Amino acid sequence: MSHPIAPLSCFQCREKKLKCDRNAPCCGRCQRLAHPCDYPSARKKVTGKRKQVRELEAKLAELESKLDAVHSNNPLWGAIDGEENAALVMEDIQDNIEDYVFEDPSSSIQTTSSERSSSQHASSGLAKEL
């Protein structure tokens, strides 16, 4: 809950850009010069924080709805509450990794991880025989 800020300088002092002693109902300067002394009405503290919070809440809601859409379109995103579900997720990840095509930066030959793995085992076997 925001609290009202005490009024600052009266209108007369503010107009002349002088320090107001903020005595109510009439400041010392206005009393001495016999000017009417009016203060701005109490105002609420104005910050950009409320607006920023609303914007962040809207962004959060948008991201949550996008995440829900991703989860609903992918059955593996179901609740992983047991080892069986976790194992299914790990199998899927491993299958995806094995199907991923790696490109050898020193040549234009592309190999899958499983091809690379089998060729590494074969070459290590040859090295042992020599």
N, C-alpha and C. Protein backbone atom coordinates (compact mmCIF):
# COMPACT_ATOMS: atom_id res chain seq x y z
N MET A 1 0.85 -1.18 0.00
CA MET A 1 0.00 0.00 0.00
C MET A 1 0.90 1.23 0.00
N SER A 2 0.64 2.15 -0.89
CA SER A 2 1.49 3.35 -0.96
C SER A 2 0.97 4.42 -0.01
N HIS A 3 1.88 5.18 0.51
CA HIS A 3 1.54 6.24 1.44
C HIS A 3 1.69 7.58 0.74
N PRO A 4 0.80 8.53 1.06
CA PRO A 4 0.92 9.84 0.41
C PRO A 4 2.23 10.51 0.81
N ILE A 5 2.79 11.25 -0.11
CA ILE A 5 4.00 12.01 0.16
C ILE A 5 3.58 13.37 0.68
N ALA A 6 4.28 13.85 1.69
CA ALA A 6 3.97 15.18 2.22
C ALA A 6 4.19 16.21 1.12
N PRO A 7 3.30 17.20 1.04
CA PRO A 7 3.49 18.22 0.01
C PRO A 7 4.82 18.92 0.21
N LEU A 8 5.43 19.29 -0.88
CA LEU A 8 6.72 19.96 -0.79
C LEU A 8 6.50 21.45 -0.65
N SER A 9 7.14 22.21 -1.45
CA SER A 9 7.03 23.67 -1.36
C SER A 9 5.63 24.14 -1.76
N CYS A 10 5.25 25.29 -1.21
CA CYS A 10 3.98 25.89 -1.63
C CYS A 10 4.15 26.41 -3.05
N PHE A 11 3.04 26.74 -3.69
CA PHE A 11 3.09 27.19 -5.08
C PHE A 11 3.92 28.47 -5.25
N GLN A 12 3.81 29.41 -4.29
CA GLN A 12 4.54 30.68 -4.38
C GLN A 12 6.06 30.45 -4.32
N CYS A 13 6.50 29.65 -3.36
CA CYS A 13 7.94 29.37 -3.22
C CYS A 13 8.44 28.55 -4.41
N ARG A 14 7.62 27.65 -4.87
CA ARG A 14 8.01 26.82 -6.01
C ARG A 14 8.19 27.68 -7.26
N GLU A 15 7.27 28.63 -7.44
CA GLU A 15 7.34 29.52 -8.61
C GLU A 15 8.62 30.35 -8.60
N LYS A 16 9.02 30.82 -7.41
CA LYS A 16 10.23 31.64 -7.28
C LYS A 16 11.49 30.79 -7.08
N LYS A 17 11.29 29.48 -7.00
CA LYS A 17 12.40 28.53 -6.79
C LYS A 17 13.17 28.85 -5.51
N LEU A 18 12.40 29.07 -4.45
CA LEU A 18 12.98 29.36 -3.14
C LEU A 18 12.64 28.22 -2.18
N LYS A 19 13.46 28.07 -1.15
CA LYS A 19 13.20 27.03 -0.17
C LYS A 19 12.00 27.43 0.68
N CYS A 20 11.07 26.52 0.77
CA CYS A 20 9.85 26.76 1.55
C CYS A 20 10.00 26.06 2.90
N ASP A 21 9.59 26.73 3.98
CA ASP A 21 9.69 26.08 5.30
C ASP A 21 8.52 25.13 5.55
N ARG A 22 7.56 25.10 4.66
CA ARG A 22 6.41 24.18 4.67
C ARG A 22 5.58 24.25 5.95
N ASN A 23 5.55 25.40 6.56
CA ASN A 23 4.66 25.57 7.71
C ASN A 23 3.24 25.67 7.21
N ALA A 24 2.35 24.97 7.88
CA ALA A 24 0.94 25.03 7.48
C ALA A 24 0.19 25.89 8.48
N PRO A 25 -0.81 26.60 8.12
CA PRO A 25 -1.40 26.67 6.78
C PRO A 25 -0.67 27.65 5.87
N CYS A 26 0.26 28.46 6.41
CA CYS A 26 0.95 29.45 5.59
C CYS A 26 2.43 29.42 5.92
N CYS A 27 3.27 29.29 4.88
CA CYS A 27 4.72 29.24 5.12
C CYS A 27 5.22 30.62 5.54
N GLY A 28 6.42 30.67 6.09
CA GLY A 28 6.99 31.92 6.60
C GLY A 28 7.12 32.99 5.53
N ARG A 29 7.54 32.62 4.33
CA ARG A 29 7.73 33.61 3.25
C ARG A 29 6.39 34.21 2.85
N CYS A 30 5.37 33.37 2.61
CA CYS A 30 4.05 33.88 2.21
C CYS A 30 3.44 34.73 3.32
N GLN A 31 3.64 34.34 4.57
CA GLN A 31 3.11 35.10 5.69
C GLN A 31 3.78 36.48 5.76
N ARG A 32 5.09 36.51 5.59
CA ARG A 32 5.83 37.76 5.64
C ARG A 32 5.43 38.70 4.49
N LEU A 33 5.17 38.13 3.29
CA LEU A 33 4.82 38.95 2.12
C LEU A 33 3.31 39.09 1.94
N ALA A 34 2.54 38.49 2.83
CA ALA A 34 1.08 38.52 2.78
C ALA A 34 0.55 37.96 1.46
N HIS A 35 1.17 36.87 1.01
CA HIS A 35 0.70 36.16 -0.20
C HIS A 35 -0.18 35.00 0.22
N PRO A 36 -1.10 34.63 -0.65
CA PRO A 36 -1.86 33.41 -0.34
C PRO A 36 -0.91 32.21 -0.43
N CYS A 37 -1.02 31.33 0.49
CA CYS A 37 -0.11 30.18 0.55
C CYS A 37 -0.90 28.90 0.30
N ASP A 38 -0.69 28.33 -0.84
CA ASP A 38 -1.38 27.09 -1.20
C ASP A 38 -0.36 25.99 -1.48
N TYR A 39 -0.67 24.83 -0.98
CA TYR A 39 0.19 23.67 -1.21
C TYR A 39 -0.50 22.73 -2.20
N PRO A 40 0.29 21.98 -2.93
CA PRO A 40 -0.33 20.96 -3.79
C PRO A 40 -1.01 19.92 -2.91
N SER A 41 -2.07 19.33 -3.41
CA SER A 41 -2.77 18.32 -2.62
C SER A 41 -1.84 17.12 -2.44
N ALA A 42 -2.10 16.38 -1.37
CA ALA A 42 -1.27 15.21 -1.09
C ALA A 42 -1.34 14.28 -2.30
N ARG A 43 -0.21 13.76 -2.67
CA ARG A 43 -0.17 12.90 -3.84
C ARG A 43 0.40 11.55 -3.45
N LYS A 44 0.05 10.57 -4.22
CA LYS A 44 0.59 9.25 -3.97
C LYS A 44 1.96 9.16 -4.60
N LYS A 45 2.78 8.36 -3.99
CA LYS A 45 4.13 8.16 -4.50
C LYS A 45 4.03 7.55 -5.90
N VAL A 46 4.62 8.22 -6.85
CA VAL A 46 4.55 7.76 -8.23
C VAL A 46 5.88 7.11 -8.58
N THR A 47 5.80 5.86 -8.92
CA THR A 47 7.01 5.17 -9.36
C THR A 47 6.65 4.34 -10.58
N GLY A 48 7.63 3.98 -11.31
CA GLY A 48 7.42 3.13 -12.46
C GLY A 48 7.36 1.67 -12.07
N LYS A 49 7.46 1.40 -10.77
CA LYS A 49 7.51 0.02 -10.32
C LYS A 49 6.20 -0.71 -10.55
N ARG A 50 5.08 -0.04 -10.32
CA ARG A 50 3.78 -0.69 -10.55
C ARG A 50 3.64 -1.11 -12.00
N LYS A 51 3.99 -0.19 -12.88
CA LYS A 51 3.90 -0.48 -14.31
C LYS A 51 4.86 -1.61 -14.68
N GLN A 52 6.06 -1.56 -14.12
CA GLN A 52 7.06 -2.59 -14.41
C GLN A 52 6.58 -3.95 -13.90
N VAL A 53 5.97 -3.98 -12.74
CA VAL A 53 5.46 -5.24 -12.19
C VAL A 53 4.36 -5.79 -13.09
N ARG A 54 3.45 -4.92 -13.54
CA ARG A 54 2.38 -5.38 -14.45
C ARG A 54 2.97 -5.94 -15.74
N GLU A 55 3.98 -5.26 -16.29
CA GLU A 55 4.61 -5.74 -17.52
C GLU A 55 5.30 -7.09 -17.30
N LEU A 56 5.98 -7.23 -16.17
CA LEU A 56 6.65 -8.49 -15.88
C LEU A 56 5.65 -9.62 -15.64
N GLU A 57 4.53 -9.31 -14.99
CA GLU A 57 3.49 -10.32 -14.78
C GLU A 57 2.90 -10.77 -16.10
N ALA A 58 2.69 -9.82 -17.02
CA ALA A 58 2.16 -10.16 -18.34
C ALA A 58 3.15 -11.03 -19.10
N LYS A 59 4.42 -10.68 -19.04
CA LYS A 59 5.47 -11.46 -19.71
C LYS A 59 5.54 -12.86 -19.13
N LEU A 60 5.45 -12.97 -17.80
CA LEU A 60 5.47 -14.26 -17.14
C LEU A 60 4.30 -15.12 -17.60
N ALA A 61 3.11 -14.54 -17.64
CA ALA A 61 1.93 -15.28 -18.08
C ALA A 61 2.09 -15.76 -19.52
N GLU A 62 2.65 -14.90 -20.37
CA GLU A 62 2.88 -15.27 -21.77
C GLU A 62 3.86 -16.44 -21.86
N LEU A 63 4.95 -16.37 -21.11
CA LEU A 63 5.94 -17.45 -21.15
C LEU A 63 5.38 -18.75 -20.57
N GLU A 64 4.57 -18.64 -19.52
CA GLU A 64 3.96 -19.84 -18.94
C GLU A 64 3.01 -20.49 -19.93
N SER A 65 2.25 -19.69 -20.67
CA SER A 65 1.33 -20.28 -21.66
C SER A 65 2.11 -20.94 -22.79
N LYS A 66 3.22 -20.33 -23.21
CA LYS A 66 4.05 -20.95 -24.25
C LYS A 66 4.65 -22.26 -23.74
N LEU A 67 5.09 -22.28 -22.50
CA LEU A 67 5.66 -23.48 -21.92
C LEU A 67 4.60 -24.57 -21.80
N ASP A 68 3.39 -24.21 -21.41
CA ASP A 68 2.29 -25.17 -21.35
C ASP A 68 2.00 -25.75 -22.72
N ALA A 69 2.06 -24.91 -23.76
CA ALA A 69 1.82 -25.39 -25.13
C ALA A 69 2.90 -26.38 -25.54
N VAL A 70 4.14 -26.10 -25.19
CA VAL A 70 5.24 -27.03 -25.51
C VAL A 70 5.03 -28.34 -24.77
N HIS A 71 4.68 -28.26 -23.51
CA HIS A 71 4.47 -29.47 -22.72
C HIS A 71 3.32 -30.30 -23.26
N SER A 72 2.24 -29.66 -23.67
CA SER A 72 1.08 -30.41 -24.16
C SER A 72 1.36 -31.05 -25.51
N ASN A 73 2.28 -30.50 -26.30
CA ASN A 73 2.60 -31.06 -27.61
C ASN A 73 3.67 -32.15 -27.54
N ASN A 74 4.32 -32.33 -26.41
CA ASN A 74 5.38 -33.32 -26.27
C ASN A 74 5.05 -34.23 -25.10
N PRO A 75 4.70 -35.50 -25.36
CA PRO A 75 4.30 -36.39 -24.27
C PRO A 75 5.42 -36.68 -23.28
N LEU A 76 6.66 -36.51 -23.68
CA LEU A 76 7.77 -36.76 -22.76
C LEU A 76 7.88 -35.70 -21.68
N TRP A 77 7.17 -34.58 -21.85
CA TRP A 77 7.23 -33.51 -20.86
C TRP A 77 6.24 -33.76 -19.72
N GLY A 78 5.61 -34.94 -19.71
CA GLY A 78 4.70 -35.25 -18.62
C GLY A 78 5.46 -35.24 -17.30
N ALA A 79 4.73 -35.36 -16.25
CA ALA A 79 5.38 -35.32 -14.94
C ALA A 79 6.35 -36.49 -14.81
N ILE A 80 7.58 -36.18 -14.53
CA ILE A 80 8.59 -37.22 -14.32
C ILE A 80 8.64 -37.46 -12.82
N ASP A 81 7.81 -38.43 -12.40
CA ASP A 81 7.72 -38.66 -10.97
C ASP A 81 8.29 -40.01 -10.57
N GLY A 82 8.77 -40.76 -11.55
CA GLY A 82 9.33 -42.06 -11.22
C GLY A 82 10.52 -42.37 -12.09
N GLU A 83 11.21 -43.45 -11.73
CA GLU A 83 12.39 -43.84 -12.49
C GLU A 83 12.04 -44.26 -13.91
N GLU A 84 10.85 -44.86 -14.09
CA GLU A 84 10.44 -45.32 -15.42
C GLU A 84 10.32 -44.15 -16.39
N ASN A 85 9.65 -43.09 -15.96
CA ASN A 85 9.52 -41.92 -16.83
C ASN A 85 10.87 -41.27 -17.09
N ALA A 86 11.71 -41.21 -16.08
CA ALA A 86 13.04 -40.63 -16.26
C ALA A 86 13.85 -41.46 -17.24
N ALA A 87 13.71 -42.78 -17.16
CA ALA A 87 14.44 -43.66 -18.08
C ALA A 87 13.97 -43.43 -19.51
N LEU A 88 12.65 -43.25 -19.71
CA LEU A 88 12.13 -42.97 -21.05
C LEU A 88 12.70 -41.68 -21.61
N VAL A 89 12.77 -40.68 -20.78
CA VAL A 89 13.32 -39.40 -21.23
C VAL A 89 14.79 -39.56 -21.59
N MET A 90 15.54 -40.29 -20.77
CA MET A 90 16.97 -40.49 -21.05
C MET A 90 17.16 -41.28 -22.35
N GLU A 91 16.31 -42.31 -22.59
CA GLU A 91 16.40 -43.07 -23.84
C GLU A 91 16.16 -42.16 -25.04
N ASP A 92 15.16 -41.32 -24.94
CA ASP A 92 14.84 -40.42 -26.04
C ASP A 92 16.00 -39.46 -26.29
N ILE A 93 16.59 -38.95 -25.24
CA ILE A 93 17.73 -38.03 -25.39
C ILE A 93 18.90 -38.75 -26.05
N GLN A 94 19.18 -39.98 -25.60
CA GLN A 94 20.29 -40.73 -26.19
C GLN A 94 20.03 -41.04 -27.66
N ASP A 95 18.77 -41.41 -28.00
CA ASP A 95 18.44 -41.66 -29.40
C ASP A 95 18.66 -40.42 -30.24
N ASN A 96 18.25 -39.27 -29.72
CA ASN A 96 18.43 -38.02 -30.47
C ASN A 96 19.90 -37.68 -30.64
N ILE A 97 20.70 -37.94 -29.62
CA ILE A 97 22.13 -37.65 -29.72
C ILE A 97 22.78 -38.56 -30.75
N GLU A 98 22.40 -39.84 -30.75
CA GLU A 98 23.00 -40.79 -31.69
C GLU A 98 22.62 -40.47 -33.13
N ASP A 99 21.44 -39.91 -33.33
CA ASP A 99 21.01 -39.57 -34.69
C ASP A 99 21.57 -38.24 -35.16
N TYR A 100 22.15 -37.51 -34.27
CA TYR A 100 22.67 -36.20 -34.63
C TYR A 100 23.88 -36.36 -35.54
N VAL A 101 23.94 -35.58 -36.59
CA VAL A 101 25.04 -35.67 -37.54
C VAL A 101 26.13 -34.70 -37.14
N PHE A 102 27.34 -35.23 -36.98
CA PHE A 102 28.49 -34.40 -36.65
C PHE A 102 29.31 -34.18 -37.91
N GLU A 103 29.80 -32.99 -38.07
CA GLU A 103 30.65 -32.70 -39.22
C GLU A 103 32.07 -32.53 -38.74
N ASP A 104 32.97 -33.26 -39.38
CA ASP A 104 34.39 -33.16 -39.05
C ASP A 104 34.91 -31.86 -39.64
N PRO A 105 35.38 -30.92 -38.79
CA PRO A 105 35.81 -29.62 -39.30
C PRO A 105 37.02 -29.71 -40.23
N SER A 106 37.83 -30.78 -40.15
CA SER A 106 39.01 -30.88 -41.00
C SER A 106 38.71 -31.49 -42.36
N SER A 107 37.49 -31.98 -42.55
CA SER A 107 37.13 -32.51 -43.86
C SER A 107 35.68 -32.22 -44.14
N SER A 108 35.25 -32.59 -45.33
CA SER A 108 33.85 -32.37 -45.68
C SER A 108 33.02 -33.62 -45.46
N ILE A 109 33.57 -34.60 -44.74
CA ILE A 109 32.88 -35.86 -44.49
C ILE A 109 32.01 -35.70 -43.25
N GLN A 110 30.76 -36.15 -43.37
CA GLN A 110 29.85 -36.11 -42.23
C GLN A 110 29.69 -37.52 -41.70
N THR A 111 29.71 -37.67 -40.38
CA THR A 111 29.51 -38.97 -39.76
C THR A 111 28.54 -38.82 -38.62
N THR A 112 27.80 -39.90 -38.34
CA THR A 112 26.93 -39.87 -37.16
C THR A 112 27.78 -40.29 -35.98
N SER A 113 27.27 -40.03 -34.80
CA SER A 113 28.03 -40.37 -33.60
C SER A 113 28.25 -41.87 -33.51
N SER A 114 27.28 -42.69 -33.95
CA SER A 114 27.45 -44.14 -33.88
C SER A 114 28.53 -44.60 -34.85
N GLU A 115 28.60 -44.00 -36.05
CA GLU A 115 29.66 -44.34 -37.01
C GLU A 115 31.02 -43.96 -36.44
N ARG A 116 31.08 -42.78 -35.83
CA ARG A 116 32.33 -42.31 -35.27
C ARG A 116 32.77 -43.22 -34.12
N SER A 117 31.81 -43.65 -33.31
CA SER A 117 32.11 -44.51 -32.18
C SER A 117 32.66 -45.84 -32.65
N SER A 118 32.03 -46.45 -33.68
CA SER A 118 32.51 -47.74 -34.17
C SER A 118 33.87 -47.60 -34.83
N SER A 119 34.12 -46.49 -35.53
CA SER A 119 35.43 -46.31 -36.17
C SER A 119 36.51 -46.08 -35.11
N GLN A 120 36.16 -45.44 -34.01
CA GLN A 120 37.14 -45.23 -32.95
C GLN A 120 37.53 -46.56 -32.30
N HIS A 121 36.51 -47.44 -32.10
CA HIS A 121 36.80 -48.74 -31.51
C HIS A 121 37.67 -49.56 -32.45
N ALA A 122 37.40 -49.50 -33.74
CA ALA A 122 38.19 -50.25 -34.72
C ALA A 122 39.62 -49.75 -34.75
N SER A 123 39.81 -48.44 -34.73
CA SER A 123 41.17 -47.91 -34.79
C SER A 123 41.94 -48.21 -33.51
N SER A 124 41.27 -48.23 -32.38
CA SER A 124 41.97 -48.55 -31.14
C SER A 124 42.36 -50.02 -31.12
N GLY A 125 41.54 -50.89 -31.75
CA GLY A 125 41.87 -52.31 -31.86
C GLY A 125 43.08 -52.51 -32.73
N LEU A 126 43.20 -51.75 -33.82
CA LEU A 126 44.35 -51.85 -34.71
C LEU A 126 45.62 -51.41 -34.00
N ALA A 127 45.52 -50.39 -33.20
CA ALA A 127 46.69 -49.89 -32.50
C ALA A 127 47.21 -50.94 -31.51
N LYS A 128 46.31 -51.69 -30.89
CA LYS A 128 46.72 -52.71 -29.94
C LYS A 128 47.41 -53.88 -30.64
N GLU A 129 46.94 -54.20 -31.87
CA GLU A 129 47.53 -55.31 -32.61
C GLU A 129 48.93 -54.97 -33.08
N LEU A 130 49.21 -53.69 -33.36
CA LEU A 130 50.53 -53.29 -33.85
C LEU A 130 51.46 -53.22 -32.71
